[in-house]
Every structure is written in structure tokens, then in C-alpha cells.
C-alpha atoms as a PDB file:
ATOM      1  CA  MET A   1      22.768   4.251 209.598  1.00  0.00           C
ATOM      2  CA  ASP A   2      21.848   6.090 206.442  1.00  0.00           C
ATOM      3  CA  CYS A   3      24.940   7.115 204.527  1.00  0.00           C
ATOM      4  CA  GLY A   4      23.118  10.144 203.010  1.00  0.00           C
ATOM      5  CA  SER A   5      23.227  13.591 204.331  1.00  0.00           C
ATOM      6  CA  LEU A   6      21.880  14.238 207.729  1.00  0.00           C
ATOM      7  CA  VAL A   7      19.196  16.996 207.704  1.00  0.00           C
ATOM      8  CA  TYR A   8      18.709  19.284 210.664  1.00  0.00           C
ATOM      9  CA  VAL A   9      15.023  20.253 210.972  1.00  0.00           C
ATOM     10  CA  GLU A  10      14.755  23.576 212.752  1.00  0.00           C
ATOM     11  CA  PRO A  11      12.500  23.300 215.688  1.00  0.00           C
ATOM     12  CA  ALA A  12       9.144  25.255 215.658  1.00  0.00           C
ATOM     13  CA  ASN A  13      10.217  26.825 218.835  1.00  0.00           C
ATOM     14  CA  PRO A  14      13.960  26.913 219.293  1.00  0.00           C
ATOM     15  CA  LYS A  15      13.958  28.486 222.591  1.00  0.00           C
ATOM     16  CA  ALA A  16      11.740  25.750 223.988  1.00  0.00           C
ATOM     17  CA  GLU A  17      14.299  23.151 222.591  1.00  0.00           C
ATOM     18  CA  ALA A  18      17.308  25.092 224.052  1.00  0.00           C
ATOM     19  CA  ALA A  19      17.347  23.535 227.563  1.00  0.00           C
ATOM     20  CA  LEU A  20      19.489  20.539 227.941  1.00  0.00           C
ATOM     21  CA  PRO A  21      17.816  17.426 229.571  1.00  0.00           C
ATOM     22  CA  ALA A  22      18.881  17.253 233.206  1.00  0.00           C
ATOM     23  CA  GLU A  23      20.798  13.910 232.588  1.00  0.00           C
ATOM     24  CA  VAL A  24      22.696  15.451 229.742  1.00  0.00           C
ATOM     25  CA  GLN A  25      23.597  18.560 231.657  1.00  0.00           C
ATOM     26  CA  ALA A  26      24.757  16.515 234.782  1.00  0.00           C
ATOM     27  CA  GLU A  27      26.837  14.013 232.804  1.00  0.00           C
ATOM     28  CA  TRP A  28      28.216  16.068 229.951  1.00  0.00           C
ATOM     29  CA  TRP A  29      27.851  19.799 230.483  1.00  0.00           C
ATOM     30  CA  GLN A  30      28.198  20.606 234.134  1.00  0.00           C
ATOM     31  CA  PRO A  31      31.734  19.126 234.693  1.00  0.00           C
ATOM     32  CA  PHE A  32      32.953  21.058 231.633  1.00  0.00           C
ATOM     33  CA  GLU A  33      31.306  24.356 232.721  1.00  0.00           C
ATOM     34  CA  ASN A  34      33.029  24.020 236.227  1.00  0.00           C
ATOM     35  CA  TYR A  35      36.265  23.424 234.426  1.00  0.00           C
ATOM     36  CA  LEU A  36      35.907  26.446 232.291  1.00  0.00           C
ATOM     37  CA  ALA A  37      34.725  28.798 235.104  1.00  0.00           C
ATOM     38  CA  HIS A  38      36.901  27.637 237.984  1.00  0.00           C
ATOM     39  CA  GLU A  39      40.054  26.065 236.348  1.00  0.00           C
ATOM     40  CA  ARG A  40      40.459  28.129 233.156  1.00  0.00           C
ATOM     41  CA  ARG A  41      38.612  31.085 234.752  1.00  0.00           C
ATOM     42  CA  TYR A  42      36.828  32.045 231.608  1.00  0.00           C
ATOM     43  CA  SER A  43      34.330  34.820 231.801  1.00  0.00           C
ATOM     44  CA  ALA A  44      30.614  34.166 232.174  1.00  0.00           C
ATOM     45  CA  TYR A  45      30.179  35.503 228.538  1.00  0.00           C
ATOM     46  CA  THR A  46      32.571  32.896 227.124  1.00  0.00           C
ATOM     47  CA  VAL A  47      31.043  30.042 229.208  1.00  0.00           C
ATOM     48  CA  ARG A  48      27.613  31.118 227.948  1.00  0.00           C
ATOM     49  CA  ASN A  49      28.785  30.947 224.360  1.00  0.00           C
ATOM     50  CA  TYR A  50      30.403  27.506 224.799  1.00  0.00           C
ATOM     51  CA  ARG A  51      27.112  26.261 226.256  1.00  0.00           C
ATOM     52  CA  GLN A  52      25.094  27.682 223.301  1.00  0.00           C
ATOM     53  CA  ALA A  53      27.542  25.779 221.064  1.00  0.00           C
ATOM     54  CA  PHE A  54      26.991  22.496 222.919  1.00  0.00           C
ATOM     55  CA  GLU A  55      23.169  23.059 223.008  1.00  0.00           C
ATOM     56  CA  ASP A  56      22.989  23.674 219.301  1.00  0.00           C
ATOM     57  CA  PHE A  57      25.243  20.581 218.625  1.00  0.00           C
ATOM     58  CA  TYR A  58      23.063  18.444 220.995  1.00  0.00           C
ATOM     59  CA  ARG A  59      19.812  19.547 219.321  1.00  0.00           C
ATOM     60  CA  TRP A  60      21.377  18.571 215.949  1.00  0.00           C
ATOM     61  CA  LEU A  61      22.483  15.086 217.040  1.00  0.00           C
ATOM     62  CA  VAL A  62      18.892  14.458 218.485  1.00  0.00           C
ATOM     63  CA  LEU A  63      17.019  15.694 215.437  1.00  0.00           C
ATOM     64  CA  ALA A  64      19.433  13.901 213.034  1.00  0.00           C
ATOM     65  CA  GLY A  65      18.842  10.752 215.052  1.00  0.00           C
ATOM     66  CA  VAL A  66      22.560  10.149 216.062  1.00  0.00           C
ATOM     67  CA  TRP A  67      22.642  10.977 219.718  1.00  0.00           C
ATOM     68  CA  GLU A  68      21.841   7.615 220.994  1.00  0.00           C
ATOM     69  CA  ARG A  69      24.884   6.036 219.179  1.00  0.00           C
ATOM     70  CA  GLY A  70      27.277   8.077 221.281  1.00  0.00           C
ATOM     71  CA  PHE A  71      29.995  10.535 220.496  1.00  0.00           C
ATOM     72  CA  ASP A  72      32.594   8.011 219.605  1.00  0.00           C
ATOM     73  CA  ALA A  73      30.399   6.675 216.829  1.00  0.00           C
ATOM     74  CA  LEU A  74      30.433  10.138 215.100  1.00  0.00           C
ATOM     75  CA  GLN A  75      31.730  10.056 211.590  1.00  0.00           C
ATOM     76  CA  MET A  76      33.504  12.763 209.599  1.00  0.00           C
ATOM     77  CA  ARG A  77      30.748  12.883 207.029  1.00  0.00           C
ATOM     78  CA  GLU A  78      28.209  13.519 209.699  1.00  0.00           C
ATOM     79  CA  LEU A  79      30.243  16.357 211.209  1.00  0.00           C
ATOM     80  CA  ARG A  80      30.621  17.899 207.883  1.00  0.00           C
ATOM     81  CA  ASP A  81      26.762  17.737 207.497  1.00  0.00           C
ATOM     82  CA  PHE A  82      26.498  19.514 210.939  1.00  0.00           C
ATOM     83  CA  VAL A  83      28.807  22.244 209.702  1.00  0.00           C
ATOM     84  CA  ILE A  84      26.838  22.673 206.397  1.00  0.00           C
ATOM     85  CA  GLU A  85      23.565  22.922 208.330  1.00  0.00           C
ATOM     86  CA  ALA A  86      25.011  25.256 210.922  1.00  0.00           C
ATOM     87  CA  GLN A  87      25.840  27.732 208.141  1.00  0.00           C
ATOM     88  CA  ARG A  88      22.122  28.231 207.790  1.00  0.00           C
ATOM     89  CA  ARG A  89      21.765  29.411 211.324  1.00  0.00           C
ATOM     90  CA  PHE A  90      25.020  31.193 212.042  1.00  0.00           C
ATOM     91  CA  GLY A  91      27.510  33.465 210.407  1.00  0.00           C
ATOM     92  CA  ARG A  92      31.004  32.098 209.552  1.00  0.00           C
ATOM     93  CA  ARG A  93      32.689  33.700 212.542  1.00  0.00           C
ATOM     94  CA  THR A  94      30.085  32.458 214.954  1.00  0.00           C
ATOM     95  CA  LEU A  95      30.313  29.043 213.534  1.00  0.00           C
ATOM     96  CA  HIS A  96      34.159  29.071 213.893  1.00  0.00           C
ATOM     97  CA  ASN A  97      33.707  30.100 217.496  1.00  0.00           C
ATOM     98  CA  HIS A  98      31.060  27.306 218.180  1.00  0.00           C
ATOM     99  CA  VAL A  99      33.324  24.675 216.647  1.00  0.00           C
ATOM    100  CA  SER A 100      36.269  25.912 218.661  1.00  0.00           C
ATOM    101  CA  GLY A 101      34.219  25.497 221.732  1.00  0.00           C
ATOM    102  CA  LEU A 102      33.102  22.004 220.809  1.00  0.00           C
ATOM    103  CA  ARG A 103      36.811  21.079 220.198  1.00  0.00           C
ATOM    104  CA  SER A 104      37.530  22.302 223.685  1.00  0.00           C
ATOM    105  CA  PHE A 105      34.649  20.267 225.099  1.00  0.00           C
ATOM    106  CA  PHE A 106      35.894  17.007 223.481  1.00  0.00           C
ATOM    107  CA  LYS A 107      39.435  17.699 224.418  1.00  0.00           C
ATOM    108  CA  PHE A 108      38.328  17.971 228.025  1.00  0.00           C
ATOM    109  CA  TRP A 109      36.464  14.677 227.937  1.00  0.00           C
ATOM    110  CA  LEU A 110      39.316  12.987 226.075  1.00  0.00           C
ATOM    111  CA  ARG A 111      41.768  13.827 228.791  1.00  0.00           C
ATOM    112  CA  ARG A 112      39.334  12.301 231.273  1.00  0.00           C
ATOM    113  CA  GLY A 113      38.935   9.077 229.160  1.00  0.00           C
ATOM    114  CA  LYS A 114      35.126   9.549 228.584  1.00  0.00           C
ATOM    115  CA  VAL A 115      35.567   9.727 224.825  1.00  0.00           C
ATOM    116  CA  GLN A 116      38.137   8.075 222.678  1.00  0.00           C
ATOM    117  CA  ARG A 117      38.930  10.874 220.177  1.00  0.00           C
ATOM    118  CA  ASN A 118      38.132  14.548 219.428  1.00  0.00           C
ATOM    119  CA  PRO A 119      35.676  14.132 216.438  1.00  0.00           C
ATOM    120  CA  PHE A 120      36.047  17.922 215.518  1.00  0.00           C
ATOM    121  CA  LEU A 121      39.787  17.704 214.737  1.00  0.00           C
ATOM    122  CA  GLY A 122      40.291  18.088 211.056  1.00  0.00           C
ATOM    123  CA  VAL A 123      36.535  19.100 210.305  1.00  0.00           C
ATOM    124  CA  PRO A 124      36.723  21.599 207.421  1.00  0.00           C
ATOM    125  CA  LEU A 125      35.152  25.024 208.088  1.00  0.00           C
ATOM    126  CA  PRO A 126      34.191  27.826 205.680  1.00  0.00           C
ATOM    127  CA  LYS A 127      36.964  30.402 205.195  1.00  0.00           C
ATOM    128  CA  LEU A 128      36.603  33.624 207.321  1.00  0.00           C
ATOM    129  CA  GLU A 129      36.659  36.937 205.518  1.00  0.00           C
ATOM    130  CA  LYS A 130      39.733  39.041 206.615  1.00  0.00           C
ATOM    131  CA  ARG A 131      38.048  42.006 208.087  1.00  0.00           C
ATOM    132  CA  LEU A 132      40.190  44.835 209.389  1.00  0.00           C
ATOM    133  CA  PRO A 133      38.991  46.159 212.796  1.00  0.00           C
ATOM    134  CA  LYS A 134      36.999  49.399 212.447  1.00  0.00           C
ATOM    135  CA  PHE A 135      38.546  52.394 214.384  1.00  0.00           C
ATOM    136  CA  LEU A 136      37.986  56.064 214.791  1.00  0.00           C
ATOM    137  CA  THR A 137      40.549  58.672 213.513  1.00  0.00           C
ATOM    138  CA  GLU A 138      42.235  60.936 216.160  1.00  0.00           C
ATOM    139  CA  GLU A 139      40.070  63.830 215.002  1.00  0.00           C
ATOM    140  CA  GLN A 140      36.980  61.583 215.372  1.00  0.00           C
ATOM    141  CA  MET A 141      37.989  60.622 218.822  1.00  0.00           C
ATOM    142  CA  VAL A 142      38.391  64.347 219.764  1.00  0.00           C
ATOM    143  CA  ARG A 143      34.742  65.015 218.724  1.00  0.00           C
ATOM    144  CA  LEU A 144      33.458  61.948 220.576  1.00  0.00           C
ATOM    145  CA  LEU A 145      35.347  62.837 223.866  1.00  0.00           C
ATOM    146  CA  ALA A 146      33.957  66.331 223.697  1.00  0.00           C
ATOM    147  CA  GLY A 147      30.431  65.158 223.756  1.00  0.00           C
ATOM    148  CA  PRO A 148      29.650  64.938 227.485  1.00  0.00           C
ATOM    149  CA  GLN A 149      30.915  68.557 228.078  1.00  0.00           C
ATOM    150  CA  GLN A 150      28.826  69.665 225.155  1.00  0.00           C
ATOM    151  CA  LEU A 151      25.615  68.260 226.615  1.00  0.00           C
ATOM    152  CA  LEU A 152      26.503  69.663 229.987  1.00  0.00           C
ATOM    153  CA  ALA A 153      27.103  73.054 228.680  1.00  0.00           C
ATOM    154  CA  SER A 154      23.657  72.833 226.893  1.00  0.00           C
ATOM    155  CA  GLU A 155      22.075  71.587 230.162  1.00  0.00           C
ATOM    156  CA  SER A 156      21.048  68.334 228.346  1.00  0.00           C
ATOM    157  CA  ILE A 157      22.549  66.244 231.116  1.00  0.00           C
ATOM    158  CA  ASP A 158      23.542  66.784 234.692  1.00  0.00           C
ATOM    159  CA  ALA A 159      27.087  67.237 236.042  1.00  0.00           C
ATOM    160  CA  PHE A 160      27.166  63.662 237.553  1.00  0.00           C
ATOM    161  CA  THR A 161      26.343  62.015 234.178  1.00  0.00           C
ATOM    162  CA  ALA A 162      28.604  64.334 232.162  1.00  0.00           C
ATOM    163  CA  HIS A 163      31.675  63.514 234.320  1.00  0.00           C
ATOM    164  CA  ARG A 164      30.910  59.837 234.565  1.00  0.00           C
ATOM    165  CA  ASP A 165      30.420  59.545 230.821  1.00  0.00           C
ATOM    166  CA  ARG A 166      33.592  61.504 230.034  1.00  0.00           C
ATOM    167  CA  LEU A 167      35.452  59.102 232.467  1.00  0.00           C
ATOM    168  CA  VAL A 168      33.940  56.117 230.577  1.00  0.00           C
ATOM    169  CA  LEU A 169      35.075  57.336 227.191  1.00  0.00           C
ATOM    170  CA  GLU A 170      38.547  58.379 228.588  1.00  0.00           C
ATOM    171  CA  LEU A 171      39.161  54.920 230.154  1.00  0.00           C
ATOM    172  CA  LEU A 172      37.956  53.001 227.056  1.00  0.00           C
ATOM    173  CA  TYR A 173      40.103  54.920 224.785  1.00  0.00           C
ATOM    174  CA  GLY A 174      43.039  56.124 227.068  1.00  0.00           C
ATOM    175  CA  ALA A 175      43.556  52.637 228.573  1.00  0.00           C
ATOM    176  CA  GLY A 176      42.291  50.438 225.856  1.00  0.00           C
ATOM    177  CA  LEU A 177      39.929  48.624 228.235  1.00  0.00           C
ATOM    178  CA  ARG A 178      37.410  45.921 227.222  1.00  0.00           C
ATOM    179  CA  VAL A 179      33.979  47.080 228.313  1.00  0.00           C
ATOM    180  CA  SER A 180      33.849  44.283 230.814  1.00  0.00           C
ATOM    181  CA  GLU A 181      37.134  45.270 232.249  1.00  0.00           C
ATOM    182  CA  LEU A 182      35.929  48.935 232.573  1.00  0.00           C
ATOM    183  CA  THR A 183      32.676  48.027 234.367  1.00  0.00           C
ATOM    184  CA  GLY A 184      34.526  45.524 236.611  1.00  0.00           C
ATOM    185  CA  LEU A 185      37.107  48.198 237.667  1.00  0.00           C
ATOM    186  CA  ASN A 186      37.309  48.996 241.400  1.00  0.00           C
ATOM    187  CA  TYR A 187      39.074  51.831 243.171  1.00  0.00           C
ATOM    188  CA  GLY A 188      41.467  49.448 244.817  1.00  0.00           C
ATOM    189  CA  ALA A 189      42.915  48.407 241.420  1.00  0.00           C
ATOM    190  CA  ILE A 190      43.985  51.932 240.632  1.00  0.00           C
ATOM    191  CA  ASP A 191      47.238  53.858 241.594  1.00  0.00           C
ATOM    192  CA  LEU A 192      46.495  57.414 240.672  1.00  0.00           C
ATOM    193  CA  GLU A 193      49.964  58.607 241.540  1.00  0.00           C
ATOM    194  CA  ALA A 194      51.572  56.055 239.104  1.00  0.00           C
ATOM    195  CA  GLY A 195      48.730  56.531 236.651  1.00  0.00           C
ATOM    196  CA  VAL A 196      48.200  52.740 236.238  1.00  0.00           C
ATOM    197  CA  ALA A 197      45.334  50.318 236.853  1.00  0.00           C
ATOM    198  CA  ARG A 198      45.596  46.580 237.637  1.00  0.00           C
ATOM    199  CA  ILE A 199      43.200  45.057 235.161  1.00  0.00           C
ATOM    200  CA  VAL A 200      41.723  41.474 235.379  1.00  0.00           C
ATOM    201  CA  GLY A 201      41.157  40.491 231.744  1.00  0.00           C
ATOM    202  CA  LYS A 202      40.257  37.262 229.858  1.00  0.00           C
ATOM    203  CA  GLY A 203      41.056  34.036 231.649  1.00  0.00           C
ATOM    204  CA  ARG A 204      41.423  35.998 234.877  1.00  0.00           C
ATOM    205  CA  LYS A 205      44.872  37.197 233.714  1.00  0.00           C
ATOM    206  CA  GLU A 206      46.083  40.391 235.236  1.00  0.00           C
ATOM    207  CA  ARG A 207      48.016  43.132 233.554  1.00  0.00           C
ATOM    208  CA  LEU A 208      49.140  46.658 234.379  1.00  0.00           C
ATOM    209  CA  CYS A 209      47.529  49.389 232.175  1.00  0.00           C
ATOM    210  CA  PRO A 210      48.659  52.989 231.960  1.00  0.00           C
ATOM    211  CA  ILE A 211      45.450  55.050 232.040  1.00  0.00           C
ATOM    212  CA  GLY A 212      46.864  58.304 230.708  1.00  0.00           C
ATOM    213  CA  ARG A 213      47.182  61.827 232.115  1.00  0.00           C
ATOM    214  CA  VAL A 214      43.871  63.054 230.968  1.00  0.00           C
ATOM    215  CA  ALA A 215      41.920  60.123 232.240  1.00  0.00           C
ATOM    216  CA  VAL A 216      43.806  60.428 235.636  1.00  0.00           C
ATOM    217  CA  ALA A 217      42.596  64.010 235.964  1.00  0.00           C
ATOM    218  CA  VAL A 218      39.077  63.106 234.979  1.00  0.00           C
ATOM    219  CA  LEU A 219      39.019  60.220 237.457  1.00  0.00           C
ATOM    220  CA  ARG A 220      40.280  62.522 240.246  1.00  0.00           C
ATOM    221  CA  LYS A 221      37.625  65.046 239.593  1.00  0.00           C
ATOM    222  CA  PHE A 222      34.785  62.405 239.351  1.00  0.00           C
ATOM    223  CA  ARG A 223      35.935  60.583 242.555  1.00  0.00           C
ATOM    224  CA  ASP A 224      36.283  63.833 244.564  1.00  0.00           C
ATOM    225  CA  GLU A 225      33.096  65.513 243.540  1.00  0.00           C
ATOM    226  CA  PHE A 226      30.652  62.751 242.461  1.00  0.00           C
ATOM    227  CA  ALA A 227      31.708  59.124 243.582  1.00  0.00           C
ATOM    228  CA  PRO A 228      29.163  57.721 246.088  1.00  0.00           C
ATOM    229  CA  ALA A 229      31.909  55.398 247.606  1.00  0.00           C
ATOM    230  CA  THR A 230      35.684  55.029 246.926  1.00  0.00           C
ATOM    231  CA  ALA A 231      36.582  52.070 249.192  1.00  0.00           C
ATOM    232  CA  PRO A 232      38.936  49.492 247.521  1.00  0.00           C
ATOM    233  CA  ASP A 233      36.085  47.280 246.526  1.00  0.00           C
ATOM    234  CA  ALA A 234      33.859  50.134 245.320  1.00  0.00           C
ATOM    235  CA  PRO A 235      33.134  50.263 241.588  1.00  0.00           C
ATOM    236  CA  VAL A 236      34.558  53.231 239.610  1.00  0.00           C
ATOM    237  CA  ILE A 237      31.841  53.342 237.016  1.00  0.00           C
ATOM    238  CA  VAL A 238      28.555  53.708 238.667  1.00  0.00           C
ATOM    239  CA  THR A 239      25.039  54.806 237.860  1.00  0.00           C
ATOM    240  CA  GLN A 240      23.356  57.673 239.678  1.00  0.00           C
ATOM    241  CA  ARG A 241      21.878  55.055 242.094  1.00  0.00           C
ATOM    242  CA  GLY A 242      25.515  54.286 243.067  1.00  0.00           C
ATOM    243  CA  THR A 243      25.343  50.744 241.536  1.00  0.00           C
ATOM    244  CA  ARG A 244      27.920  49.276 239.236  1.00  0.00           C
ATOM    245  CA  MET A 245      27.280  50.179 235.566  1.00  0.00           C
ATOM    246  CA  SER A 246      26.588  47.226 233.288  1.00  0.00           C
ATOM    247  CA  PRO A 247      28.294  46.650 229.888  1.00  0.00           C
ATOM    248  CA  ARG A 248      24.891  47.069 228.252  1.00  0.00           C
ATOM    249  CA  GLU A 249      24.418  50.461 229.884  1.00  0.00           C
ATOM    250  CA  VAL A 250      27.861  51.608 228.573  1.00  0.00           C
ATOM    251  CA  GLN A 251      26.818  50.436 225.163  1.00  0.00           C
ATOM    252  CA  LEU A 252      23.722  52.427 225.247  1.00  0.00           C
ATOM    253  CA  MET A 253      25.527  55.490 226.639  1.00  0.00           C
ATOM    254  CA  LEU A 254      28.065  55.444 223.797  1.00  0.00           C
ATOM    255  CA  LYS A 255      25.205  55.638 221.221  1.00  0.00           C
ATOM    256  CA  ARG A 256      24.288  59.003 222.526  1.00  0.00           C
ATOM    257  CA  TYR A 257      27.663  60.500 221.779  1.00  0.00           C
ATOM    258  CA  LEU A 258      28.181  58.775 218.519  1.00  0.00           C
ATOM    259  CA  ALA A 259      25.033  60.535 217.394  1.00  0.00           C
ATOM    260  CA  LEU A 260      26.142  63.878 218.719  1.00  0.00           C
ATOM    261  CA  ALA A 261      29.524  63.565 216.962  1.00  0.00           C
ATOM    262  CA  GLU A 262      27.835  62.392 213.797  1.00  0.00           C
ATOM    263  CA  LEU A 263      29.800  59.002 213.695  1.00  0.00           C
ATOM    264  CA  PRO A 264      28.583  55.624 212.665  1.00  0.00           C
ATOM    265  CA  MET A 265      26.055  54.240 215.087  1.00  0.00           C
ATOM    266  CA  ASP A 266      27.221  50.699 214.790  1.00  0.00           C
ATOM    267  CA  LEU A 267      30.547  51.572 216.591  1.00  0.00           C
ATOM    268  CA  THR A 268      30.897  49.767 219.880  1.00  0.00           C
ATOM    269  CA  PRO A 269      32.979  50.307 223.008  1.00  0.00           C
ATOM    270  CA  HIS A 270      35.300  47.723 221.606  1.00  0.00           C
ATOM    271  CA  LYS A 271      35.996  49.955 218.611  1.00  0.00           C
ATOM    272  CA  LEU A 272      37.513  52.510 221.072  1.00  0.00           C
ATOM    273  CA  ARG A 273      39.941  49.754 222.017  1.00  0.00           C
ATOM    274  CA  HIS A 274      40.636  49.284 218.314  1.00  0.00           C
ATOM    275  CA  SER A 275      41.272  52.997 217.998  1.00  0.00           C
ATOM    276  CA  TYR A 276      43.660  52.989 221.079  1.00  0.00           C
ATOM    277  CA  ALA A 277      45.730  50.134 219.490  1.00  0.00           C
ATOM    278  CA  THR A 278      45.737  51.625 216.052  1.00  0.00           C
ATOM    279  CA  HIS A 279      46.715  55.190 217.261  1.00  0.00           C
ATOM    280  CA  LEU A 280      49.670  53.561 219.343  1.00  0.00           C
ATOM    281  CA  LEU A 281      51.004  51.659 216.418  1.00  0.00           C
ATOM    282  CA  ASN A 282      50.578  54.682 214.115  1.00  0.00           C
ATOM    283  CA  ALA A 283      52.694  56.739 216.493  1.00  0.00           C
ATOM    284  CA  GLY A 284      55.504  54.064 216.444  1.00  0.00           C
ATOM    285  CA  ALA A 285      54.714  51.966 219.482  1.00  0.00           C
ATOM    286  CA  ASP A 286      56.360  48.507 219.592  1.00  0.00           C
ATOM    287  CA  LEU A 287      54.027  45.677 218.611  1.00  0.00           C
ATOM    288  CA  ARG A 288      54.806  43.585 221.597  1.00  0.00           C
ATOM    289  CA  LEU A 289      54.331  46.413 223.975  1.00  0.00           C
ATOM    290  CA  VAL A 290      50.832  47.011 222.448  1.00  0.00           C
ATOM    291  CA  GLN A 291      50.126  43.365 222.885  1.00  0.00           C
ATOM    292  CA  GLU A 292      50.988  43.457 226.537  1.00  0.00           C
ATOM    293  CA  LEU A 293      48.870  46.739 227.018  1.00  0.00           C
ATOM    294  CA  LEU A 294      45.911  44.992 225.369  1.00  0.00           C
ATOM    295  CA  GLY A 295      46.311  41.867 227.255  1.00  0.00           C
ATOM    296  CA  HIS A 296      46.365  39.574 224.168  1.00  0.00           C
ATOM    297  CA  ALA A 297      47.695  36.018 224.830  1.00  0.00           C
ATOM    298  CA  GLN A 298      49.051  35.722 221.184  1.00  0.00           C
ATOM    299  CA  LEU A 299      51.033  38.197 219.187  1.00  0.00           C
ATOM    300  CA  ALA A 300      49.044  37.146 216.123  1.00  0.00           C
ATOM    301  CA  THR A 301      45.876  38.775 217.771  1.00  0.00           C
ATOM    302  CA  THR A 302      47.584  42.165 217.970  1.00  0.00           C
ATOM    303  CA  GLN A 303      49.193  41.876 214.430  1.00  0.00           C
ATOM    304  CA  VAL A 304      45.779  42.691 212.853  1.00  0.00           C
ATOM    305  CA  TYR A 305      46.346  46.349 213.856  1.00  0.00           C
ATOM    306  CA  THR A 306      49.560  46.465 211.810  1.00  0.00           C
ATOM    307  CA  HIS A 307      47.425  45.931 208.725  1.00  0.00           C
ATOM    308  CA  VAL A 308      45.405  48.892 209.695  1.00  0.00           C
ATOM    309  CA  SER A 309      48.358  50.999 210.102  1.00  0.00           C
ATOM    310  CA  VAL A 310      49.843  49.866 206.812  1.00  0.00           C
ATOM    311  CA  ALA A 311      46.566  50.573 205.070  1.00  0.00           C
ATOM    312  CA  ARG A 312      46.537  53.999 206.561  1.00  0.00           C
ATOM    313  CA  LEU A 313      50.106  54.609 205.461  1.00  0.00           C
ATOM    314  CA  LYS A 314      49.317  53.552 201.922  1.00  0.00           C
ATOM    315  CA  GLU A 315      46.237  55.810 201.856  1.00  0.00           C
ATOM    316  CA  ILE A 316      48.389  58.754 202.992  1.00  0.00           C
ATOM    317  CA  TYR A 317      51.028  57.941 200.404  1.00  0.00           C
ATOM    318  CA  ALA A 318      48.475  57.623 197.642  1.00  0.00           C
ATOM    319  CA  LYS A 319      47.134  61.087 198.440  1.00  0.00           C
ATOM    320  CA  ALA A 320      50.535  62.833 199.055  1.00  0.00           C
ATOM    321  CA  HIS A 321      53.078  61.463 196.807  1.00  0.00           C
ATOM    322  CA  PRO A 322      53.364  62.721 193.129  1.00  0.00           C
ATOM    323  CA  ARG A 323      54.311  59.313 191.880  1.00  0.00           C
ATOM    324  CA  ALA A 324      51.669  57.323 193.735  1.00  0.00           C
END
């Protein structure tokens, strides 16, 4: 084994190299995928990301000439080389996510006795930049939420689309839903009298979400006047064909209203969730309550919004106080 750095050579056609050999998939990937999907109940999106991480690592092992030696023969230096080479292909956050997925992969096989250790434990990673989540101000949210009615008034869209789009925006912001939670929402999960929805979030964890007085009113109107079906298993957010709206369709829909409100076009549906959390904390909501409303497993995930609130307070102080 050459003790020098292992060099990853980018395949001429990465997509052609992406598929795992059938024997590798059957022996190493498929049992882990079943565990993620059925025992951990991870979303299809997360399972897909874990697979991409494993496929990339497998390609590197093959092209670096170390696959045949087996996982237990991997050395720390080799894994450092992998991380260094991966930085050419991925951003730092993606790299962190990939290594996290690979740690989970080896943890799974270590428990089942197929490997002797988790080689990614202790592997150094580049530091992540501390980025505060982007969010809209309350005034910007008002402009965004007014978009569907403006287009309806100008006859740029029909009534169905206007009310459906208003409902999408109200639920993303008024209930702090992830876009996948929104598009997966059925009528049977909503109690309009109580004003709450039963949301199935990451890891198939359920939580109760208040959806807000305004969102309830918009939902009632859309249901009564435009919904093609309202059975318990019928989707709330639908296309004009009556089919469940996809996350991608929601993302594209949002772009229209961002442009209309003259807001940054790189804002995503998730940024409305950021706005929801930030506005709650700015108004004095308890951090643990916001954690529960967002469905975060760890309080640390929610605490990033306190930094946003503090930054906003400092900005207001700097503008308003004579001694600032």
C-alpha cells in the first residue's frame, strides 16, 4: 500500500459511474436503506442523500484502489485524503452531511458485526461557516401574502389558483411547516374548530401545530368553494387537476410572488419557516415552545433563531439609542 496521498480521479461521466454494482448494493446498501426507511422512518429525501454519500465514497475507494482491501483496513490517513478530495466536489455543509451519513452507515454495520470499527469517528472536517438563517421581516411577509389577491384583482390568475396559493403561503408562514409537511397534509389531519393540524415531520414524528386564525379562514374558504375532494385522506394542497401538489411546484409558485413583492428570488419555502420562528421569538415566545412547534429534536437546532433575534435587537438599539 502506497503511503502517499490517495488521489481521486473524477470519472469522465460521473452519472455513468453513479450506480452501485448489484452485489455491493445487495450486500452493503440495501439492508441499510431498509433500516433508514422502515425502522428510522427517514424521509425519501434523506435516504436519497445517504445513498449519494455512500455512492461517492464507494467510487472514491474503487478509483483510489482500496475497495478490495475491505472497510476494516481503512486508515485515518486515507480517510483524510477522502475528505480533502471531497472538498473539490462538495461545499462544506454538503461534505459534513455526507460524512454524517457515512458515520451512520458504519454504525449500522458495526452493531451487526459486519465491520470491526467505525472508521469515520474522529475524522477531521473543515469548519462550517456560522450562517444565520435568512428570514423576511413582518412588513415583507405582509407584501408577500398579499400577492395572490393582487394577481386575482388584476385577472392575472384565476380564483382557484389565487385561493390555493394564499393557503400555501398562510400555512408555510402561519404554521411554520416544512414544504414536504405542507404537500403531505391531508384533510383528516386538520381540526378546524381547534385550529390545529397533526403534522408528520422528520423521522415520522408527529406534532400538533396551531395553524392560525387567518390560515383557518383561508382554508375554510378554499375547502368550501374550490376543493375537489375533502375526504380524510384527500390532500389539502392540490393542483387544478385535483392531484397533490409537489414540493417543486410549491417552490416555483413562491418565485412568482417573490418577484411581485420585489423580494430576493433565492428565498425558498423554508425561509418562510425561518420567518415564522424568528417572529415568534421576537414577540417573546419561549424557546422550548418554538422548538416543539417546529418539530426540532434538539434545542440547539432552534437556538440559531435566538441569534437572529439578538442581531435584530442590536440593530434596533444601534439605530435608536443616542449612546449606541
